[in-house]
Protein backbone atom coordinates (compact mmCIF):
# COMPACT_ATOMS: atom_id res chain seq x y z
CA MET A 1 -49.12 -35.47 33.30
CA PHE A 2 -48.13 -33.44 36.34
CA ILE A 3 -44.66 -32.66 37.67
CA PHE A 4 -44.81 -32.09 41.42
CA MET A 5 -42.56 -29.26 42.61
CA GLY A 6 -43.32 -29.52 46.30
CA GLN A 7 -45.93 -30.81 48.70
CA ASP A 8 -48.81 -28.91 47.09
CA GLU A 9 -47.23 -27.58 43.89
CA PHE A 10 -47.33 -29.12 40.44
CA VAL A 11 -46.79 -28.02 36.85
CA PRO A 12 -49.15 -29.62 34.29
CA GLN A 13 -47.31 -30.89 31.19
CA ILE A 14 -48.55 -31.46 27.63
CA PRO A 15 -47.61 -34.64 25.74
CA TYR A 16 -44.29 -34.80 23.93
CA GLY A 17 -44.44 -33.32 20.44
CA THR A 18 -47.54 -31.18 21.01
CA ARG A 19 -47.83 -27.44 21.51
CA ASP A 20 -50.17 -24.64 22.52
CA PHE A 21 -51.00 -21.88 20.06
CA LEU A 22 -51.26 -18.69 22.09
CA PRO A 23 -53.57 -15.87 20.88
CA LYS A 24 -51.19 -14.16 18.46
CA GLU A 25 -50.01 -17.47 16.98
CA ALA A 26 -53.54 -18.85 16.80
CA LYS A 27 -54.75 -15.71 15.02
CA GLN A 28 -52.02 -15.94 12.39
CA LYS A 29 -52.61 -19.68 11.95
CA ARG A 30 -56.34 -19.09 11.45
CA ALA A 31 -55.66 -16.27 8.99
CA VAL A 32 -53.39 -18.47 6.86
CA GLU A 33 -55.86 -21.37 6.97
CA GLY A 34 -58.75 -19.09 6.06
CA ALA A 35 -56.87 -17.62 3.11
CA LEU A 36 -55.95 -21.11 1.87
CA ALA A 37 -59.52 -22.38 2.21
CA HIS A 38 -60.75 -19.45 0.12
CA LEU A 39 -58.02 -20.07 -2.47
CA PHE A 40 -58.80 -23.78 -2.83
CA ALA A 41 -62.53 -23.11 -3.12
CA SER A 42 -61.88 -20.46 -5.78
CA TRP A 43 -60.15 -23.15 -7.87
CA GLY A 44 -63.20 -25.43 -7.66
CA TYR A 45 -62.19 -27.68 -4.73
CA ASP A 46 -64.65 -28.89 -2.08
CA GLU A 47 -63.67 -29.32 1.55
CA VAL A 48 -63.79 -32.73 3.25
CA VAL A 49 -63.32 -33.42 6.98
CA THR A 50 -62.32 -36.97 7.95
CA PRO A 51 -62.11 -38.67 11.39
CA THR A 52 -59.05 -38.06 13.52
CA MET A 53 -58.65 -41.83 13.84
CA GLU A 54 -58.85 -44.61 11.27
CA TYR A 55 -58.55 -48.37 11.40
CA LEU A 56 -54.90 -49.34 11.18
CA GLU A 57 -55.46 -51.46 8.07
CA THR A 58 -56.83 -48.36 6.32
CA MET A 59 -53.94 -46.10 7.29
CA ALA A 60 -51.42 -48.82 6.36
CA VAL A 61 -52.51 -48.75 2.69
CA GLY A 62 -49.56 -47.32 0.81
CA ALA A 63 -47.87 -46.14 3.99
CA GLY A 64 -45.13 -48.76 4.10
CA ASN A 65 -43.46 -50.21 7.17
CA GLU A 66 -41.36 -47.11 7.83
CA LEU A 67 -44.34 -44.78 8.26
CA GLU A 68 -46.41 -47.35 10.14
CA GLN A 69 -43.72 -47.44 12.83
CA HIS A 70 -44.41 -43.75 13.49
CA MET A 71 -48.18 -44.06 13.91
CA PHE A 72 -49.99 -43.55 17.21
CA LYS A 73 -51.91 -46.81 17.69
CA PHE A 74 -54.46 -47.97 20.24
CA PHE A 75 -57.34 -50.43 20.67
CA ASP A 76 -61.08 -49.80 20.62
CA LYS A 77 -63.47 -51.72 22.89
CA ASN A 78 -63.74 -54.49 20.29
CA ASN A 79 -59.95 -54.89 20.27
CA ARG A 80 -59.61 -53.53 16.75
CA ILE A 81 -56.42 -51.53 16.23
CA LEU A 82 -56.95 -47.85 15.52
CA ALA A 83 -54.41 -45.24 14.49
CA LEU A 84 -54.41 -41.47 14.55
CA ARG A 85 -54.16 -40.30 10.94
CA SER A 86 -50.46 -40.07 10.03
CA ASP A 87 -51.09 -38.43 6.67
CA MET A 88 -54.17 -37.20 4.79
CA THR A 89 -53.75 -38.79 1.37
CA THR A 90 -54.91 -42.20 2.58
CA PRO A 91 -58.09 -40.94 4.35
CA MET A 92 -58.93 -38.79 1.32
CA ALA A 93 -58.51 -41.81 -0.96
CA ARG A 94 -60.78 -43.82 1.34
CA VAL A 95 -63.46 -41.11 1.24
CA ALA A 96 -63.29 -40.87 -2.54
CA ALA A 97 -63.53 -44.64 -3.02
CA THR A 98 -66.33 -45.21 -0.51
CA ARG A 99 -68.41 -42.02 -0.61
CA PHE A 100 -67.84 -40.52 -4.07
CA LYS A 101 -67.51 -43.63 -6.23
CA GLU A 102 -70.39 -42.57 -8.51
CA SER A 103 -69.53 -38.87 -8.51
CA PRO A 104 -68.57 -37.06 -11.73
CA SER A 105 -64.88 -37.13 -12.53
CA PRO A 106 -62.57 -35.51 -11.66
CA MET A 107 -63.12 -35.05 -7.94
CA LYS A 108 -61.36 -32.03 -6.51
CA LEU A 109 -61.15 -32.08 -2.71
CA PHE A 110 -59.27 -30.09 -0.07
CA TYR A 111 -58.68 -30.34 3.68
CA LEU A 112 -57.37 -28.31 6.61
CA THR A 113 -56.62 -30.52 9.58
CA ASN A 114 -54.19 -31.90 12.15
CA VAL A 115 -52.04 -34.99 11.56
CA PHE A 116 -50.17 -37.19 14.02
CA ARG A 117 -46.80 -38.84 13.55
CA TYR A 118 -44.48 -39.99 16.33
CA GLU A 119 -41.03 -38.69 15.42
CA GLN A 120 -38.32 -36.41 16.74
CA ALA A 121 -39.94 -33.01 17.37
CA GLN A 122 -38.22 -30.12 15.62
CA ALA A 123 -38.85 -26.54 14.57
CA GLY A 124 -41.87 -26.50 12.29
CA ARG A 125 -42.83 -30.12 12.94
CA GLN A 126 -44.24 -31.64 16.12
CA CYS A 127 -45.81 -35.05 16.64
CA GLU A 128 -49.12 -33.29 16.12
CA PHE A 129 -48.96 -30.90 13.19
CA TYR A 130 -51.34 -29.09 10.86
CA GLN A 131 -51.72 -29.46 7.13
CA ALA A 132 -53.64 -27.93 4.25
CA GLY A 133 -53.85 -29.88 1.03
CA VAL A 134 -55.70 -30.75 -2.15
CA GLU A 135 -56.35 -33.92 -4.11
CA ILE A 136 -57.51 -34.44 -7.72
CA MET A 137 -58.92 -37.91 -8.30
CA GLY A 138 -60.06 -39.37 -11.60
CA VAL A 139 -57.48 -37.92 -14.00
CA SER A 140 -54.10 -39.41 -14.95
CA GLU A 141 -53.03 -36.76 -17.44
CA PRO A 142 -50.27 -34.16 -16.85
CA THR A 143 -52.99 -31.48 -16.77
CA ALA A 144 -53.93 -32.55 -13.24
CA ASP A 145 -50.30 -32.64 -12.08
CA ALA A 146 -49.69 -29.17 -13.49
CA GLU A 147 -52.79 -27.84 -11.75
CA VAL A 148 -51.77 -29.06 -8.30
CA ILE A 149 -48.26 -27.64 -8.73
CA ALA A 150 -49.64 -24.30 -9.92
CA LEU A 151 -52.05 -24.30 -7.00
CA ALA A 152 -49.18 -25.07 -4.61
CA VAL A 153 -47.38 -22.00 -5.94
CA GLU A 154 -50.50 -19.89 -5.40
CA ALA A 155 -50.84 -21.33 -1.88
CA MET A 156 -47.31 -20.16 -1.06
CA LEU A 157 -48.04 -16.68 -2.38
CA THR A 158 -51.41 -16.52 -0.62
CA SER A 159 -49.73 -17.47 2.66
CA GLY A 160 -47.50 -14.41 2.31
CA LEU A 161 -44.31 -16.07 1.10
CA GLN A 162 -42.54 -14.61 -1.92
CA LYS A 163 -39.20 -16.44 -1.90
CA PHE A 164 -39.55 -20.16 -2.50
CA GLN A 165 -38.67 -22.77 -5.10
CA ILE A 166 -40.27 -26.05 -6.12
CA GLY A 167 -38.15 -29.06 -7.03
CA LEU A 168 -39.93 -31.35 -9.50
CA GLY A 169 -39.04 -35.02 -9.94
CA GLN A 170 -40.49 -38.29 -11.24
CA VAL A 171 -40.20 -41.57 -9.34
CA ASP A 172 -40.26 -43.66 -12.53
CA PHE A 173 -37.00 -42.08 -13.63
CA ILE A 174 -35.29 -43.76 -10.69
CA ASN A 175 -37.44 -46.91 -10.87
CA GLY A 176 -36.53 -47.44 -14.52
CA ILE A 177 -32.83 -47.23 -13.77
CA MET A 178 -33.06 -49.63 -10.83
CA GLU A 179 -35.14 -52.15 -12.78
CA GLN A 180 -32.61 -52.04 -15.61
CA SER A 181 -29.79 -52.60 -13.12
CA GLU A 182 -31.56 -55.67 -11.71
CA LEU A 183 -31.13 -54.65 -8.09
CA SER A 184 -32.96 -56.86 -5.62
CA LEU A 185 -36.07 -55.53 -3.90
CA SER A 186 -34.12 -55.14 -0.66
CA GLN A 187 -31.35 -53.21 -2.41
CA ARG A 188 -33.88 -50.93 -4.12
CA GLN A 189 -35.42 -50.08 -0.77
CA GLN A 190 -32.00 -49.27 0.66
CA VAL A 191 -31.15 -47.06 -2.31
CA LYS A 192 -34.50 -45.23 -2.08
CA GLN A 193 -34.12 -44.65 1.64
CA ALA A 194 -30.64 -43.19 1.13
CA MET A 195 -32.02 -40.87 -1.55
CA VAL A 196 -34.99 -39.80 0.58
CA THR A 197 -32.62 -38.77 3.39
CA ARG A 198 -30.06 -37.36 0.93
CA ASN A 199 -27.47 -39.65 2.52
CA LEU A 200 -24.90 -39.63 -0.29
CA VAL A 201 -22.25 -41.42 1.78
CA GLY A 202 -24.69 -44.19 2.65
CA LEU A 203 -25.81 -44.41 -0.99
CA ASP A 204 -22.20 -44.82 -2.08
CA GLU A 205 -21.67 -47.67 0.41
CA ILE A 206 -24.84 -49.46 -0.69
CA LEU A 207 -23.88 -49.28 -4.35
CA VAL A 208 -20.27 -50.34 -3.77
CA ASN A 209 -21.54 -53.47 -2.02
CA SER A 210 -24.30 -54.12 -4.60
CA GLY A 211 -22.13 -55.87 -7.16
CA LEU A 212 -23.38 -53.60 -9.96
CA PRO A 213 -21.04 -52.65 -12.82
CA GLU A 214 -19.19 -49.40 -12.24
CA GLY A 215 -21.16 -47.55 -14.94
CA GLU A 216 -24.52 -48.40 -13.33
CA GLN A 217 -23.21 -47.45 -9.91
CA LYS A 218 -22.07 -44.09 -11.24
CA LEU A 219 -25.47 -43.39 -12.81
CA LEU A 220 -27.33 -44.13 -9.56
CA LYS A 221 -24.84 -42.06 -7.54
CA ASN A 222 -25.42 -39.10 -9.83
CA ILE A 223 -29.23 -39.09 -9.51
CA PRO A 224 -29.31 -36.90 -6.34
CA LEU A 225 -27.16 -34.38 -8.20
CA LEU A 226 -29.47 -34.09 -11.21
CA HIS A 227 -31.24 -30.82 -10.60
CA GLY A 228 -31.59 -27.69 -12.69
CA THR A 229 -33.42 -26.28 -15.71
CA LYS A 230 -34.77 -27.80 -18.91
CA GLU A 231 -31.19 -28.22 -20.15
CA MET A 232 -30.52 -30.65 -17.29
CA LEU A 233 -33.60 -32.62 -18.37
CA LYS A 234 -32.10 -33.05 -21.85
CA GLU A 235 -28.82 -34.17 -20.29
CA ALA A 236 -30.64 -36.74 -18.14
CA TYR A 237 -32.43 -38.07 -21.23
CA SER A 238 -29.10 -38.83 -22.85
CA MET A 239 -27.91 -40.67 -19.73
CA VAL A 240 -30.63 -43.36 -19.77
CA THR A 241 -31.74 -45.88 -22.35
CA ASN A 242 -34.68 -47.63 -20.68
CA GLU A 243 -38.20 -46.70 -21.77
CA LYS A 244 -39.60 -46.13 -18.26
CA SER A 245 -37.02 -43.48 -17.35
CA ARG A 246 -37.37 -41.72 -20.69
CA LYS A 247 -41.17 -41.67 -20.41
CA ALA A 248 -40.78 -40.14 -16.96
CA LEU A 249 -38.68 -37.33 -18.41
CA ASP A 250 -41.23 -36.81 -21.20
CA ASN A 251 -43.90 -36.51 -18.51
CA LEU A 252 -41.91 -33.85 -16.65
CA SER A 253 -41.40 -31.91 -19.86
CA ALA A 254 -45.17 -31.95 -20.54
CA ILE A 255 -45.96 -30.77 -17.01
CA TYR A 256 -43.41 -27.97 -17.23
CA SER A 257 -44.89 -26.70 -20.51
CA LEU A 258 -48.27 -26.41 -18.77
CA LEU A 259 -46.68 -24.60 -15.83
CA GLU A 260 -45.34 -22.07 -18.31
CA SER A 261 -48.93 -21.51 -19.45
CA TYR A 262 -49.95 -20.97 -15.81
CA GLY A 263 -47.21 -18.37 -15.51
CA VAL A 264 -45.51 -20.09 -12.55
CA ALA A 265 -42.59 -21.87 -14.24
CA GLN A 266 -40.12 -19.44 -12.65
CA TYR A 267 -40.87 -21.07 -9.29
CA VAL A 268 -40.06 -24.59 -10.56
CA ASP A 269 -36.77 -26.41 -11.17
CA PHE A 270 -36.21 -30.08 -11.90
CA ASP A 271 -34.76 -32.31 -9.19
CA LEU A 272 -34.58 -35.95 -10.25
CA GLY A 273 -33.32 -37.01 -6.80
CA ILE A 274 -36.71 -36.29 -5.19
CA ILE A 275 -38.67 -39.46 -4.48
CA ARG A 276 -40.49 -38.45 -1.25
CA ASP A 277 -40.85 -40.65 1.85
CA PHE A 278 -44.08 -42.44 0.97
CA GLU A 279 -44.27 -45.66 -1.03
CA TYR A 280 -47.54 -44.81 -2.78
CA TYR A 281 -46.12 -42.30 -5.29
CA THR A 282 -46.23 -43.50 -8.89
CA GLY A 283 -45.28 -40.52 -11.05
CA MET A 284 -44.32 -36.89 -10.65
CA VAL A 285 -43.30 -35.75 -7.16
CA PHE A 286 -42.36 -32.32 -5.90
CA GLU A 287 -41.15 -30.46 -2.82
CA CYS A 288 -41.16 -26.75 -2.05
CA TYR A 289 -38.34 -25.05 -0.12
CA THR A 290 -38.02 -21.52 1.20
CA PRO A 291 -34.97 -19.65 2.61
CA GLY A 292 -34.34 -20.17 6.31
CA LEU A 293 -35.80 -23.69 6.52
CA GLY A 294 -33.79 -26.83 5.91
CA PHE A 295 -36.83 -28.97 5.21
CA PRO A 296 -39.69 -28.83 2.67
CA ILE A 297 -42.61 -26.55 3.44
CA CYS A 298 -44.87 -28.32 0.96
CA GLY A 299 -44.80 -31.51 -1.09
CA GLY A 300 -46.87 -33.95 -3.08
CA GLY A 301 -47.15 -36.02 -6.19
CA ARG A 302 -49.07 -38.59 -8.19
CA TYR A 303 -50.37 -41.79 -6.56
CA ASP A 304 -52.33 -43.70 -9.20
CA THR A 305 -52.44 -47.11 -7.49
CA MET A 306 -53.70 -46.18 -4.03
CA LEU A 307 -57.36 -45.93 -5.02
CA ASN A 308 -57.11 -49.45 -6.44
CA SER A 309 -56.49 -50.66 -2.89
CA PHE A 310 -59.92 -49.27 -1.98
CA GLY A 311 -61.63 -50.83 -5.03
CA MET A 312 -61.59 -47.74 -7.26
CA ASN A 313 -59.57 -47.74 -10.47
CA SER A 314 -58.63 -44.10 -10.82
CA GLY A 315 -55.59 -41.86 -11.09
CA ALA A 316 -54.90 -39.30 -8.37
CA THR A 317 -52.52 -36.46 -7.57
CA GLY A 318 -52.22 -33.81 -4.86
CA PHE A 319 -50.09 -31.98 -2.31
CA ALA A 320 -49.92 -31.11 1.38
CA LEU A 321 -48.61 -27.92 2.95
CA GLY A 322 -47.35 -27.65 6.54
CA ILE A 323 -49.11 -24.79 8.32
CA GLU A 324 -46.54 -24.50 11.13
CA ARG A 325 -43.75 -24.51 8.57
CA VAL A 326 -45.41 -21.64 6.71
CA LEU A 327 -45.74 -19.69 9.97
CA LEU A 328 -42.09 -20.39 10.85
CA ALA A 329 -40.93 -19.28 7.40
CA LEU A 330 -42.95 -16.07 7.66
CA GLU A 331 -41.39 -15.38 11.06
CA ARG A 332 -37.81 -16.07 9.94
CA GLN A 333 -38.22 -13.95 6.82
CA GLY A 334 -39.60 -11.05 8.87
CA ILE A 335 -42.90 -10.97 6.99
CA ILE A 336 -45.57 -9.04 8.89
CA GLY A 337 -48.33 -11.24 10.21
CA THR A 338 -52.03 -10.63 10.38
CA PRO A 339 -53.10 -7.06 11.20
CA ASN A 340 -54.44 -6.31 14.66
CA CYS A 341 -58.22 -6.56 14.53
CA LYS A 342 -58.67 -5.33 18.11
CA SER A 343 -60.43 -2.06 17.33
CA VAL A 344 -62.21 -0.69 20.41
CA TYR A 345 -62.24 -1.27 24.13
CA VAL A 346 -65.47 -0.05 25.77
CA GLY A 347 -65.13 0.94 29.42
CA TRP A 348 -67.87 2.29 31.63
CA GLY A 349 -68.44 4.00 34.98
CA GLU A 350 -70.89 3.16 37.75
CA ASP A 351 -74.48 2.47 36.58
CA LYS A 352 -73.53 2.87 32.89
CA LEU A 353 -73.48 -0.83 31.89
CA ALA A 354 -76.70 -0.72 29.81
CA ALA A 355 -75.47 2.27 27.82
CA ALA A 356 -72.06 0.64 27.36
CA ILE A 357 -73.67 -2.57 26.05
CA GLY A 358 -75.61 -0.49 23.51
CA GLN A 359 -72.45 1.31 22.43
CA ALA A 360 -70.53 -1.97 22.04
CA GLU A 361 -73.32 -3.57 20.01
CA SER A 362 -73.51 -0.57 17.71
CA LEU A 363 -69.75 -0.66 17.09
CA ARG A 364 -69.79 -4.43 16.39
CA LYS A 365 -72.58 -4.04 13.83
CA SER A 366 -70.47 -1.43 12.06
CA GLY A 367 -67.70 -4.04 11.63
CA GLN A 368 -65.46 -3.17 14.57
CA CYS A 369 -63.83 -5.75 16.87
CA VAL A 370 -64.96 -4.71 20.34
CA GLU A 371 -64.33 -5.85 23.90
CA LEU A 372 -66.73 -4.67 26.59
CA ALA A 373 -65.46 -4.25 30.15
CA LEU A 374 -67.29 -6.55 32.58
CA ILE A 375 -66.84 -4.41 35.67
CA PRO A 376 -67.08 -0.62 36.17
CA GLN A 377 -63.79 1.24 35.80
CA SER A 378 -62.48 4.74 36.12
CA LYS A 379 -61.43 6.29 32.82
CA ILE A 380 -57.77 5.96 33.81
CA ALA A 381 -58.25 2.25 34.58
CA ALA A 382 -60.10 1.79 31.26
CA GLU A 383 -57.23 3.44 29.38
CA THR A 384 -54.80 1.07 31.08
CA SER A 385 -56.92 -1.94 30.08
CA GLN A 386 -57.17 -0.69 26.50
CA ARG A 387 -53.39 -0.40 26.15
CA SER A 388 -52.52 -3.63 27.95
CA LYS A 389 -55.04 -5.62 25.87
CA GLY A 390 -53.79 -4.12 22.61
CA TYR A 391 -56.91 -2.23 21.47
CA VAL A 392 -56.48 0.66 19.05
CA SER A 393 -58.93 3.02 20.74
CA LEU A 394 -61.08 3.49 23.84
CA VAL A 395 -64.75 4.40 24.13
CA TYR A 396 -65.59 5.34 27.71
CA VAL A 397 -69.22 5.64 28.79
CA GLU A 398 -69.77 7.86 31.80
């Protein structure tokens, strides 16, 4: 798109919700991604790269109507509807079910990629954004859930963040209460949406109009407020009588015990109001927050039924981390970014290009980051270039 300023002037525009990463930002983004890739590999995860676009019917698996409304859709030449990937869990599930069906279990996969979702652009989240994430497929035990949470903690630390906290919930705690209350499917969706958006006023209105007894209304209203330590978990256990909700709390207790073994329990609190904004979650869910950001920097959970939709009966769990949100948090917390790797600028005088090329090559082989001037310069001009380009030192060949 071009905006014409005058007869021969125009300013090229980029699409809404996209951005350019300029050199300093791109360098820090690449450094964070590289560190995360190394971390994931060191925990035994293999990288997978999936297509930027998928068939709409593939992306719609588990996405729900709400997310599908935010997909970028278009037609191919055969009039099949395609969509830019709006999250990575669905493509990873497709890969596992179609390409790794006979592979040893569990499968441990990771990705670093861009994702597209049409929504209101905001700080740390555009319509095109970048994610890093992991998935464990083939295990339904709490051991897998604990591993992805522990790895999420390590991912935060590896990215450079020190101050953050994970809220851990379980969707079956809420599902058990709503099933016991005999809410209609429509009412359950309204209640879940209010909880996802933390709209306590809206939740109150929905429950008042639901016709539920006052005691059941009070219990559902209190769910978003149920967050804290292991003591809160015991309190929540006494508040419910249905087996599904109590099993959910037992599951959280088992996961937390494993996190204590990992040595990361200090980063985790319980938050029974977390249900996430995807319909495919079936068990534990979590979100990670850091000071200075009013939205989660990382989140994930268990999604045991999604692989069934692709013909593979297998449990799965994982998380995704927002790269731009990590970068924004680092900036707002004043954490120093990647060190300057611009080591040497090599300038040269008339007829000294061959010698300058040799000098630059020698410095590069020794591990230095080197830029070679492409035109002859005086030493004063070379010094000016060195400073303006941000190089630590100058080698001048004369």
